[in-house]
C-alpha atoms as a PDB file:
ATOM      1  CA  MET A   1      -0.048   0.105   0.001  1.00  0.00           C
ATOM      2  CA  ASP A   2       1.250   3.358  -0.773  1.00  0.00           C
ATOM      3  CA  PRO A   3       1.970   5.860   1.836  1.00  0.00           C
ATOM      4  CA  LYS A   4      -0.477   8.579   2.373  1.00  0.00           C
ATOM      5  CA  HIS A   5       1.148  11.952   2.119  1.00  0.00           C
ATOM      6  CA  GLU A   6       0.114  14.053   4.964  1.00  0.00           C
ATOM      7  CA  HIS A   7       1.662  17.335   3.708  1.00  0.00           C
ATOM      8  CA  LEU A   8      -0.361  17.256   0.497  1.00  0.00           C
ATOM      9  CA  GLU A   9      -3.757  17.673   2.660  1.00  0.00           C
ATOM     10  CA  LEU A  10      -5.553  21.068   1.864  1.00  0.00           C
ATOM     11  CA  LYS A  11      -5.017  23.452   4.498  1.00  0.00           C
ATOM     12  CA  PHE A  12      -7.869  26.105   4.995  1.00  0.00           C
ATOM     13  CA  CYS A  13      -7.593  29.101   7.263  1.00  0.00           C
ATOM     14  CA  VAL A  14     -10.523  30.624   9.039  1.00  0.00           C
ATOM     15  CA  SER A  15     -10.397  34.499   9.675  1.00  0.00           C
ATOM     16  CA  GLY A  16     -12.589  36.272  11.909  1.00  0.00           C
ATOM     17  CA  ALA A  17     -13.307  38.510  14.936  1.00  0.00           C
ATOM     18  CA  ALA A  18     -11.746  37.577  18.530  1.00  0.00           C
ATOM     19  CA  GLU A  19     -14.241  39.729  19.979  1.00  0.00           C
ATOM     20  CA  THR A  20     -17.726  39.033  18.632  1.00  0.00           C
ATOM     21  CA  GLY A  21     -20.171  41.103  20.439  1.00  0.00           C
ATOM     22  CA  HIS A  22     -20.988  43.022  17.311  1.00  0.00           C
ATOM     23  CA  CYS A  23     -21.441  39.540  15.108  1.00  0.00           C
ATOM     24  CA  GLY A  24     -24.895  38.666  16.106  1.00  0.00           C
ATOM     25  CA  ILE A  25     -26.465  35.701  17.582  1.00  0.00           C
ATOM     26  CA  ASP A  26     -25.908  33.007  14.937  1.00  0.00           C
ATOM     27  CA  ALA A  27     -22.236  33.694  14.548  1.00  0.00           C
ATOM     28  CA  TYR A  28     -21.323  30.954  17.078  1.00  0.00           C
ATOM     29  CA  ASP A  29     -23.264  28.385  15.206  1.00  0.00           C
ATOM     30  CA  LYS A  30     -22.049  29.715  11.770  1.00  0.00           C
ATOM     31  CA  GLY A  31     -18.498  29.256  12.916  1.00  0.00           C
ATOM     32  CA  LEU A  32     -18.906  25.738  14.537  1.00  0.00           C
ATOM     33  CA  GLU A  33     -20.499  24.893  11.225  1.00  0.00           C
ATOM     34  CA  LEU A  34     -17.762  26.275   9.062  1.00  0.00           C
ATOM     35  CA  GLY A  35     -15.118  24.187  11.086  1.00  0.00           C
ATOM     36  CA  ARG A  36     -17.349  21.117  10.708  1.00  0.00           C
ATOM     37  CA  GLN A  37     -17.640  21.352   7.072  1.00  0.00           C
ATOM     38  CA  ILE A  38     -13.743  22.124   6.682  1.00  0.00           C
ATOM     39  CA  ALA A  39     -12.807  19.163   8.527  1.00  0.00           C
ATOM     40  CA  GLY A  40     -15.496  17.025   7.204  1.00  0.00           C
ATOM     41  CA  HIS A  41     -14.027  17.787   3.734  1.00  0.00           C
ATOM     42  CA  GLY A  42     -10.654  16.402   4.740  1.00  0.00           C
ATOM     43  CA  ALA A  43      -9.131  19.621   5.120  1.00  0.00           C
ATOM     44  CA  VAL A  44      -6.852  20.911   7.917  1.00  0.00           C
ATOM     45  CA  LEU A  45      -8.174  23.995   9.743  1.00  0.00           C
ATOM     46  CA  VAL A  46      -5.822  27.023  10.296  1.00  0.00           C
ATOM     47  CA  GLU A  47      -6.338  29.866  12.618  1.00  0.00           C
ATOM     48  CA  GLY A  48      -4.668  32.531  14.336  1.00  0.00           C
ATOM     49  CA  ALA A  49      -4.655  30.843  17.793  1.00  0.00           C
ATOM     50  CA  THR A  50      -7.175  33.014  19.171  1.00  0.00           C
ATOM     51  CA  THR A  51     -10.501  33.691  20.311  1.00  0.00           C
ATOM     52  CA  GLY A  52     -14.099  34.249  19.081  1.00  0.00           C
ATOM     53  CA  PHE A  53     -14.911  33.197  15.392  1.00  0.00           C
ATOM     54  CA  PRO A  54     -11.616  31.298  14.488  1.00  0.00           C
ATOM     55  CA  LEU A  55     -11.744  29.552  17.906  1.00  0.00           C
ATOM     56  CA  TRP A  56     -15.501  28.452  17.071  1.00  0.00           C
ATOM     57  CA  ALA A  57     -14.403  27.005  13.881  1.00  0.00           C
ATOM     58  CA  ALA A  58     -11.698  25.041  15.463  1.00  0.00           C
ATOM     59  CA  MET A  59     -14.032  23.689  17.996  1.00  0.00           C
ATOM     60  CA  GLY A  60     -16.168  22.642  15.246  1.00  0.00           C
ATOM     61  CA  ALA A  61     -13.459  20.810  13.264  1.00  0.00           C
ATOM     62  CA  LYS A  62     -12.273  19.142  16.373  1.00  0.00           C
ATOM     63  CA  SER A  63     -16.248  17.904  16.959  1.00  0.00           C
ATOM     64  CA  VAL A  64     -15.863  15.929  13.948  1.00  0.00           C
ATOM     65  CA  GLY A  65     -12.192  14.554  14.433  1.00  0.00           C
ATOM     66  CA  GLY A  66     -10.557  17.101  12.515  1.00  0.00           C
ATOM     67  CA  TYR A  67      -6.874  18.585  12.617  1.00  0.00           C
ATOM     68  CA  THR A  68      -6.247  22.013  13.920  1.00  0.00           C
ATOM     69  CA  ILE A  69      -3.074  24.492  13.682  1.00  0.00           C
ATOM     70  CA  GLY A  70      -2.779  27.914  15.173  1.00  0.00           C
ATOM     71  CA  PHE A  71      -0.438  30.640  14.093  1.00  0.00           C
ATOM     72  CA  SER A  72       0.222  32.467  17.502  1.00  0.00           C
ATOM     73  CA  PRO A  73       1.546  36.420  17.431  1.00  0.00           C
ATOM     74  CA  ALA A  74       3.737  35.388  20.479  1.00  0.00           C
ATOM     75  CA  ASN A  75       7.066  34.046  20.712  1.00  0.00           C
ATOM     76  CA  SER A  76       6.427  31.455  23.179  1.00  0.00           C
ATOM     77  CA  GLU A  77       3.585  29.629  25.183  1.00  0.00           C
ATOM     78  CA  LYS A  78       3.898  31.782  28.133  1.00  0.00           C
ATOM     79  CA  GLU A  79       3.711  34.999  26.161  1.00  0.00           C
ATOM     80  CA  HIS A  80       0.909  33.589  24.114  1.00  0.00           C
ATOM     81  CA  ILE A  81      -1.297  32.803  27.459  1.00  0.00           C
ATOM     82  CA  GLU A  82       0.082  35.510  29.835  1.00  0.00           C
ATOM     83  CA  SER A  83       0.624  38.563  27.484  1.00  0.00           C
ATOM     84  CA  TYR A  84      -1.782  37.824  24.806  1.00  0.00           C
ATOM     85  CA  ASN A  85      -4.305  36.075  26.662  1.00  0.00           C
ATOM     86  CA  LEU A  86      -4.694  33.599  24.026  1.00  0.00           C
ATOM     87  CA  PRO A  87      -6.211  30.192  24.183  1.00  0.00           C
ATOM     88  CA  VAL A  88      -4.461  27.006  23.657  1.00  0.00           C
ATOM     89  CA  GLU A  89      -7.601  24.513  23.643  1.00  0.00           C
ATOM     90  CA  TYR A  90      -8.999  22.621  20.382  1.00  0.00           C
ATOM     91  CA  LEU A  91      -5.564  23.221  18.667  1.00  0.00           C
ATOM     92  CA  ASP A  92      -3.453  20.260  17.884  1.00  0.00           C
ATOM     93  CA  LEU A  93      -0.333  22.334  17.021  1.00  0.00           C
ATOM     94  CA  ILE A  94       0.691  25.676  17.881  1.00  0.00           C
ATOM     95  CA  VAL A  95       3.280  27.903  15.726  1.00  0.00           C
ATOM     96  CA  TYR A  96       4.746  30.604  17.818  1.00  0.00           C
ATOM     97  CA  THR A  97       5.569  33.276  15.290  1.00  0.00           C
ATOM     98  CA  GLY A  98       6.995  35.698  17.417  1.00  0.00           C
ATOM     99  CA  PHE A  99       6.166  38.601  14.767  1.00  0.00           C
ATOM    100  CA  GLY A 100       2.882  40.129  16.656  1.00  0.00           C
ATOM    101  CA  TYR A 101      -0.535  40.227  14.962  1.00  0.00           C
ATOM    102  CA  PRO A 102       0.436  41.903  11.576  1.00  0.00           C
ATOM    103  CA  GLY A 103       3.430  39.430  10.953  1.00  0.00           C
ATOM    104  CA  ARG A 104       1.324  36.622  12.145  1.00  0.00           C
ATOM    105  CA  ASP A 105      -1.454  37.551   9.694  1.00  0.00           C
ATOM    106  CA  LEU A 106       0.902  36.961   6.686  1.00  0.00           C
ATOM    107  CA  ILE A 107       2.495  33.889   7.812  1.00  0.00           C
ATOM    108  CA  LEU A 108      -1.254  32.487   8.657  1.00  0.00           C
ATOM    109  CA  THR A 109      -2.374  33.458   5.218  1.00  0.00           C
ATOM    110  CA  ARG A 110       0.326  32.058   3.177  1.00  0.00           C
ATOM    111  CA  SER A 111       0.435  28.903   4.848  1.00  0.00           C
ATOM    112  CA  SER A 112      -3.017  28.152   3.544  1.00  0.00           C
ATOM    113  CA  ASP A 113      -4.591  26.933   0.281  1.00  0.00           C
ATOM    114  CA  ALA A 114      -7.521  29.127   0.792  1.00  0.00           C
ATOM    115  CA  VAL A 115      -8.854  31.441   3.414  1.00  0.00           C
ATOM    116  CA  PHE A 116     -12.381  31.757   4.749  1.00  0.00           C
ATOM    117  CA  PHE A 117     -13.767  35.072   6.179  1.00  0.00           C
ATOM    118  CA  GLY A 118     -16.599  35.065   9.006  1.00  0.00           C
ATOM    119  CA  CYS A 119     -17.721  38.052  10.845  1.00  0.00           C
ATOM    120  CA  GLY A 120     -14.508  40.078  11.574  1.00  0.00           C
ATOM    121  CA  ARG A 121     -12.758  43.177  12.611  1.00  0.00           C
ATOM    122  CA  ILE A 122      -9.746  45.347  11.083  1.00  0.00           C
ATOM    123  CA  GLY A 123      -7.459  42.187  11.671  1.00  0.00           C
ATOM    124  CA  THR A 124      -9.815  40.176   9.297  1.00  0.00           C
ATOM    125  CA  ILE A 125      -9.896  43.065   6.906  1.00  0.00           C
ATOM    126  CA  HIS A 126      -5.973  42.968   7.150  1.00  0.00           C
ATOM    127  CA  GLU A 127      -5.959  39.192   6.374  1.00  0.00           C
ATOM    128  CA  PHE A 128      -8.415  39.755   3.617  1.00  0.00           C
ATOM    129  CA  THR A 129      -6.230  42.171   1.761  1.00  0.00           C
ATOM    130  CA  ILE A 130      -3.262  39.836   2.334  1.00  0.00           C
ATOM    131  CA  ALA A 131      -4.792  37.334   0.767  1.00  0.00           C
ATOM    132  CA  PHE A 132      -6.333  39.144  -2.012  1.00  0.00           C
ATOM    133  CA  GLU A 133      -2.692  40.386  -3.061  1.00  0.00           C
ATOM    134  CA  ASP A 134      -1.533  36.913  -2.682  1.00  0.00           C
ATOM    135  CA  GLN A 135      -4.386  35.707  -5.259  1.00  0.00           C
ATOM    136  CA  LYS A 136      -5.449  32.874  -2.834  1.00  0.00           C
ATOM    137  CA  PRO A 137      -8.789  31.273  -3.171  1.00  0.00           C
ATOM    138  CA  ILE A 138     -11.375  33.151  -0.663  1.00  0.00           C
ATOM    139  CA  GLY A 139     -14.448  32.105   0.499  1.00  0.00           C
ATOM    140  CA  ILE A 140     -16.575  34.824   2.339  1.00  0.00           C
ATOM    141  CA  LEU A 141     -19.499  33.510   4.568  1.00  0.00           C
ATOM    142  CA  GLU A 142     -22.352  35.901   4.102  1.00  0.00           C
ATOM    143  CA  ALA A 143     -24.411  36.348   7.432  1.00  0.00           C
ATOM    144  CA  ASP A 144     -26.243  39.174   9.420  1.00  0.00           C
ATOM    145  CA  TRP A 145     -23.028  40.701  10.476  1.00  0.00           C
ATOM    146  CA  GLU A 146     -21.454  43.373   8.429  1.00  0.00           C
ATOM    147  CA  THR A 147     -18.089  41.947   7.248  1.00  0.00           C
ATOM    148  CA  ASP A 148     -19.346  40.487   3.863  1.00  0.00           C
ATOM    149  CA  GLU A 149     -20.810  43.792   2.889  1.00  0.00           C
ATOM    150  CA  ILE A 150     -17.638  45.578   4.029  1.00  0.00           C
ATOM    151  CA  ILE A 151     -15.404  43.458   1.853  1.00  0.00           C
ATOM    152  CA  LYS A 152     -17.813  43.854  -1.112  1.00  0.00           C
ATOM    153  CA  THR A 153     -17.521  47.679  -0.764  1.00  0.00           C
ATOM    154  CA  ILE A 154     -13.612  47.142  -0.596  1.00  0.00           C
ATOM    155  CA  LEU A 155     -13.602  44.931  -3.803  1.00  0.00           C
ATOM    156  CA  GLN A 156     -15.863  47.915  -5.675  1.00  0.00           C
ATOM    157  CA  ALA A 157     -13.663  50.844  -4.435  1.00  0.00           C
ATOM    158  CA  GLY A 158     -10.548  48.942  -5.363  1.00  0.00           C
ATOM    159  CA  HIS A 159     -11.050  48.742  -9.025  1.00  0.00           C
ATOM    160  CA  ARG A 160      -9.463  45.213  -9.448  1.00  0.00           C
ATOM    161  CA  THR A 161     -11.100  42.219 -10.629  1.00  0.00           C
ATOM    162  CA  ASN A 162     -10.704  38.837  -9.067  1.00  0.00           C
ATOM    163  CA  ASP A 163     -12.321  35.705  -9.899  1.00  0.00           C
ATOM    164  CA  ARG A 164     -10.949  33.541  -6.874  1.00  0.00           C
ATOM    165  CA  ILE A 165     -13.505  35.024  -4.590  1.00  0.00           C
ATOM    166  CA  ILE A 166     -16.850  33.251  -3.514  1.00  0.00           C
ATOM    167  CA  PHE A 167     -19.512  34.541  -1.379  1.00  0.00           C
ATOM    168  CA  ASP A 168     -22.084  32.043  -0.027  1.00  0.00           C
ATOM    169  CA  SER A 169     -24.453  32.009   3.198  1.00  0.00           C
ATOM    170  CA  ASP A 170     -24.215  28.235   3.479  1.00  0.00           C
ATOM    171  CA  PRO A 171     -21.100  26.802   5.108  1.00  0.00           C
ATOM    172  CA  LYS A 172     -21.132  23.342   3.118  1.00  0.00           C
ATOM    173  CA  ALA A 173     -21.659  25.171  -0.305  1.00  0.00           C
ATOM    174  CA  LEU A 174     -18.986  27.734   0.421  1.00  0.00           C
ATOM    175  CA  VAL A 175     -16.443  25.164   1.314  1.00  0.00           C
ATOM    176  CA  GLU A 176     -17.228  22.868  -1.714  1.00  0.00           C
ATOM    177  CA  ARG A 177     -17.016  25.952  -3.908  1.00  0.00           C
ATOM    178  CA  VAL A 178     -13.781  26.918  -2.633  1.00  0.00           C
ATOM    179  CA  ILE A 179     -12.152  23.339  -3.014  1.00  0.00           C
ATOM    180  CA  GLU A 180     -13.107  23.506  -6.526  1.00  0.00           C
ATOM    181  CA  LEU A 181     -10.998  26.662  -6.865  1.00  0.00           C
ATOM    182  CA  VAL A 182      -8.273  25.102  -4.747  1.00  0.00           C
ATOM    183  CA  ASN A 183      -8.055  22.024  -7.018  1.00  0.00           C
ATOM    184  CA  LYS A 184      -7.352  23.960 -10.097  1.00  0.00           C
ATOM    185  CA  ASP A 185      -3.882  25.238  -8.488  1.00  0.00           C
ATOM    186  CA  LYS A 186      -3.138  21.608  -7.288  1.00  0.00           C
ATOM    187  CA  ILE A 187      -0.927  19.082  -9.123  1.00  0.00           C
ATOM    188  CA  ASN A 188      -2.874  15.727  -9.122  1.00  0.00           C
ATOM    189  CA  ARG A 189      -2.335  14.617  -5.606  1.00  0.00           C
ATOM    190  CA  ALA A 190      -3.410  10.866  -6.944  1.00  0.00           C
ATOM    191  CA  SER A 191      -0.720  10.657  -9.349  1.00  0.00           C
ATOM    192  CA  PHE A 192       2.049  11.734  -6.791  1.00  0.00           C
ATOM    193  CA  ARG A 193       4.236   8.956  -5.425  1.00  0.00           C
ATOM    194  CA  PHE A 194       7.289   9.157  -3.435  1.00  0.00           C
ATOM    195  CA  ASN A 195      10.200   7.187  -5.193  1.00  0.00           C
ATOM    196  CA  PRO A 196      13.770   7.978  -3.655  1.00  0.00           C
ATOM    197  CA  ALA A 197      15.225   6.017  -6.546  1.00  0.00           C
ATOM    198  CA  GLN A 198      13.703   8.468  -9.016  1.00  0.00           C
ATOM    199  CA  PRO A 199      16.525  10.134 -11.185  1.00  0.00           C
ATOM    200  CA  GLY A 200      17.257  13.425  -9.664  1.00  0.00           C
ATOM    201  CA  PHE A 201      15.720  12.958  -6.253  1.00  0.00           C
ATOM    202  CA  ALA A 202      18.064  14.834  -3.668  1.00  0.00           C
ATOM    203  CA  GLY A 203      17.928  11.912  -1.444  1.00  0.00           C
ATOM    204  CA  ALA A 204      18.503   8.982  -4.091  1.00  0.00           C
ATOM    205  CA  LEU A 205      21.514   6.389  -3.363  1.00  0.00           C
END
């Protein structure tokens, strides 16, 4: 049996507000369901090792046996907990970047195959602009919050077309539509095989 190549798993970032008082009463359920759908489609969920909407997505992913990774702005677990007051729960792996929030945002989005956006604040918009400039596939979860409308305004005022952004109010449909975009960028994973004896392979004997 051929070994499974875990590094080829899709990695989906979830971006959203750490403080969610403005997000509406259904934001918690929406976050959980987005996380469940990402994990249910076999992708690794990536988030900013934070509270609020990204944490809810991580909780949803873990509830169905998914794998989660957090990218922290802190340089250590001690700083993560004591200085940033951020959680460690619901994350299988935390990377302590040491770059603060702006630098963390860059690593977070660039480490992902696609970025999903829920209810957010200015940090979420920052992550959106990074993902936009990097031409990442982007999924915008539409709901009663203002974030999706703000992003539409930014896109309209920015005068730049982008066919890699999907808006949908259904988390399942959103994830499936984004997966279609991501797969257009992927080498056929089914045909990839590790062969140390292959000519040109750096580790060949």
